């Protein structure tokens, strides 16, 4: 289930817990084309490096997310979350089925920033194999 908002009282949950859930929300939003959730958790100045080498801004990313999802069974492994004060870096490996049904994998690095008490994704870099 997707959380209602990215802003969480840090007295109720640790930053690691919050970022762990946000990472799951991000992955679920990729798999399900959830533009609404991305609209909640992406910073206004968000950029993404796509597997094809293009660099897209927030508006382009939301437009890309609105397109039909062509992969299935997206899962993550080897998630590493590093918190550096008001910045967090998440590295992980992805596994999924490509449109032709073959099993594939990739990696991503997402950068999150705490802004006015809310963790927001500011950058993503995605590779696919």
Protein backbone atom coordinates (compact mmCIF):
# COMPACT_ATOMS: atom_id res chain seq x y z
CA UNK A 1 0.00 0.00 0.00
CA UNK A 2 1.25 3.47 -0.90
CA UNK A 3 1.62 5.97 1.94
CA UNK A 4 -0.60 9.05 1.73
CA UNK A 5 2.22 11.59 1.92
CA UNK A 6 5.98 11.81 2.09
CA UNK A 7 5.90 14.09 5.13
CA UNK A 8 6.05 12.02 8.29
CA UNK A 9 6.63 13.11 11.89
CA UNK A 10 10.19 11.95 12.61
CA UNK A 11 9.14 11.32 16.21
CA UNK A 12 6.93 8.50 14.93
CA UNK A 13 9.40 6.97 12.49
CA UNK A 14 13.14 7.15 11.96
CA UNK A 15 14.62 8.66 8.81
CA UNK A 16 15.71 5.16 7.79
CA UNK A 17 12.13 3.88 8.15
CA UNK A 18 10.77 6.84 6.18
CA UNK A 19 13.33 6.45 3.38
CA UNK A 20 12.78 2.69 3.25
CA UNK A 21 9.06 3.29 2.69
CA UNK A 22 9.70 6.07 0.17
CA UNK A 23 12.02 3.76 -1.76
CA UNK A 24 9.25 1.14 -1.90
CA UNK A 25 6.76 3.82 -2.95
CA UNK A 26 9.12 4.92 -5.73
CA UNK A 27 9.58 1.36 -7.04
CA UNK A 28 5.85 0.62 -6.82
CA UNK A 29 5.15 3.87 -8.66
CA UNK A 30 7.54 2.85 -11.45
CA UNK A 31 5.87 -0.56 -11.80
CA UNK A 32 2.33 0.84 -11.66
CA UNK A 33 2.81 4.13 -13.52
CA UNK A 34 1.64 6.04 -10.43
CA UNK A 35 2.03 9.66 -11.55
CA UNK A 36 0.06 10.92 -8.52
CA UNK A 37 2.50 9.39 -6.03
CA UNK A 38 5.51 10.66 -7.95
CA UNK A 39 3.95 14.12 -7.95
CA UNK A 40 3.98 13.93 -4.13
CA UNK A 41 7.54 12.68 -3.64
CA UNK A 42 9.57 14.39 -6.37
CA UNK A 43 11.21 17.74 -5.69
CA UNK A 44 10.40 20.57 -8.09
CA UNK A 45 14.05 20.50 -9.27
CA UNK A 46 14.16 16.69 -9.77
CA UNK A 47 16.22 15.23 -12.63
CA UNK A 48 16.53 11.64 -13.86
CA UNK A 49 19.22 10.01 -15.97
CA UNK A 50 17.42 7.34 -18.00
CA UNK A 51 18.94 4.02 -19.11
CA UNK A 52 19.19 5.38 -22.68
CA UNK A 53 21.41 8.23 -21.49
CA UNK A 54 18.81 11.01 -21.65
CA UNK A 55 18.50 13.48 -18.80
CA UNK A 56 14.92 14.50 -18.06
CA UNK A 57 13.39 16.98 -15.64
CA UNK A 58 10.45 16.49 -13.29
CA UNK A 59 7.74 17.33 -15.85
CA UNK A 60 9.29 15.00 -18.44
CA UNK A 61 9.63 12.24 -15.82
CA UNK A 62 5.94 12.54 -14.88
CA UNK A 63 5.02 12.46 -18.57
CA UNK A 64 7.23 9.38 -19.04
CA UNK A 65 5.60 7.71 -16.02
CA UNK A 66 2.15 8.27 -17.54
CA UNK A 67 3.07 6.07 -20.52
CA UNK A 68 2.05 2.38 -20.41
CA UNK A 69 4.44 0.33 -18.26
CA UNK A 70 6.30 -2.22 -20.40
CA UNK A 71 8.14 -4.15 -17.69
CA UNK A 72 6.62 -6.49 -15.12
CA UNK A 73 7.51 -8.10 -11.82
CA UNK A 74 9.80 -5.26 -10.72
CA UNK A 75 11.59 -6.13 -7.48
CA UNK A 76 14.57 -4.67 -5.67
CA UNK A 77 17.52 -6.30 -3.94
CA UNK A 78 20.65 -5.19 -2.17
CA UNK A 79 19.14 -1.86 -1.06
CA UNK A 80 21.67 0.41 0.61
CA UNK A 81 20.43 3.62 2.22
CA UNK A 82 23.02 6.16 3.33
CA UNK A 83 21.83 9.17 5.30
CA UNK A 84 24.16 12.17 5.26
CA UNK A 85 22.41 14.80 7.40
CA UNK A 86 19.66 16.23 5.17
CA UNK A 87 20.64 14.17 2.12
CA UNK A 88 20.16 10.45 1.56
CA UNK A 89 21.50 8.25 -1.21
CA UNK A 90 19.80 4.97 -2.08
CA UNK A 91 21.55 2.34 -4.21
CA UNK A 92 19.79 -0.87 -5.25
CA UNK A 93 19.58 -3.62 -7.82
CA UNK A 94 16.39 -4.23 -9.79
CA UNK A 95 15.03 -7.42 -11.32
CA UNK A 96 12.11 -7.48 -13.76
CA UNK A 97 10.67 -9.10 -16.87
CA UNK A 98 11.34 -7.16 -20.07
CA UNK A 99 8.54 -6.61 -22.60
CA UNK A 100 9.67 -9.73 -24.52
CA UNK A 101 9.45 -11.80 -21.31
CA UNK A 102 13.17 -12.24 -20.74
CA UNK A 103 14.42 -11.70 -17.22
CA UNK A 104 16.53 -8.59 -16.83
CA UNK A 105 18.19 -6.55 -14.14
CA UNK A 106 19.49 -3.07 -13.54
CA UNK A 107 20.66 -0.68 -10.86
CA UNK A 108 19.56 2.69 -9.63
CA UNK A 109 20.85 5.47 -7.45
CA UNK A 110 18.31 7.90 -6.02
CA UNK A 111 19.21 11.03 -4.09
CA UNK A 112 16.76 12.40 -1.53
CA UNK A 113 16.88 15.74 0.29
CA UNK A 114 15.06 16.75 3.45
CA UNK A 115 13.33 20.03 2.67
CA UNK A 116 11.18 21.72 5.30
CA UNK A 117 10.97 18.43 7.20
CA UNK A 118 9.94 16.36 4.16
CA UNK A 119 12.11 13.88 2.25
CA UNK A 120 11.88 14.51 -1.52
CA UNK A 121 13.60 12.77 -4.42
CA UNK A 122 15.93 15.24 -6.13
CA UNK A 123 17.80 12.93 -8.50
CA UNK A 124 17.67 9.46 -10.02
CA UNK A 125 20.08 7.50 -12.18
CA UNK A 126 18.81 4.27 -13.74
CA UNK A 127 20.57 1.49 -15.64
CA UNK A 128 19.02 -1.59 -17.21
CA UNK A 129 20.66 -4.72 -18.52
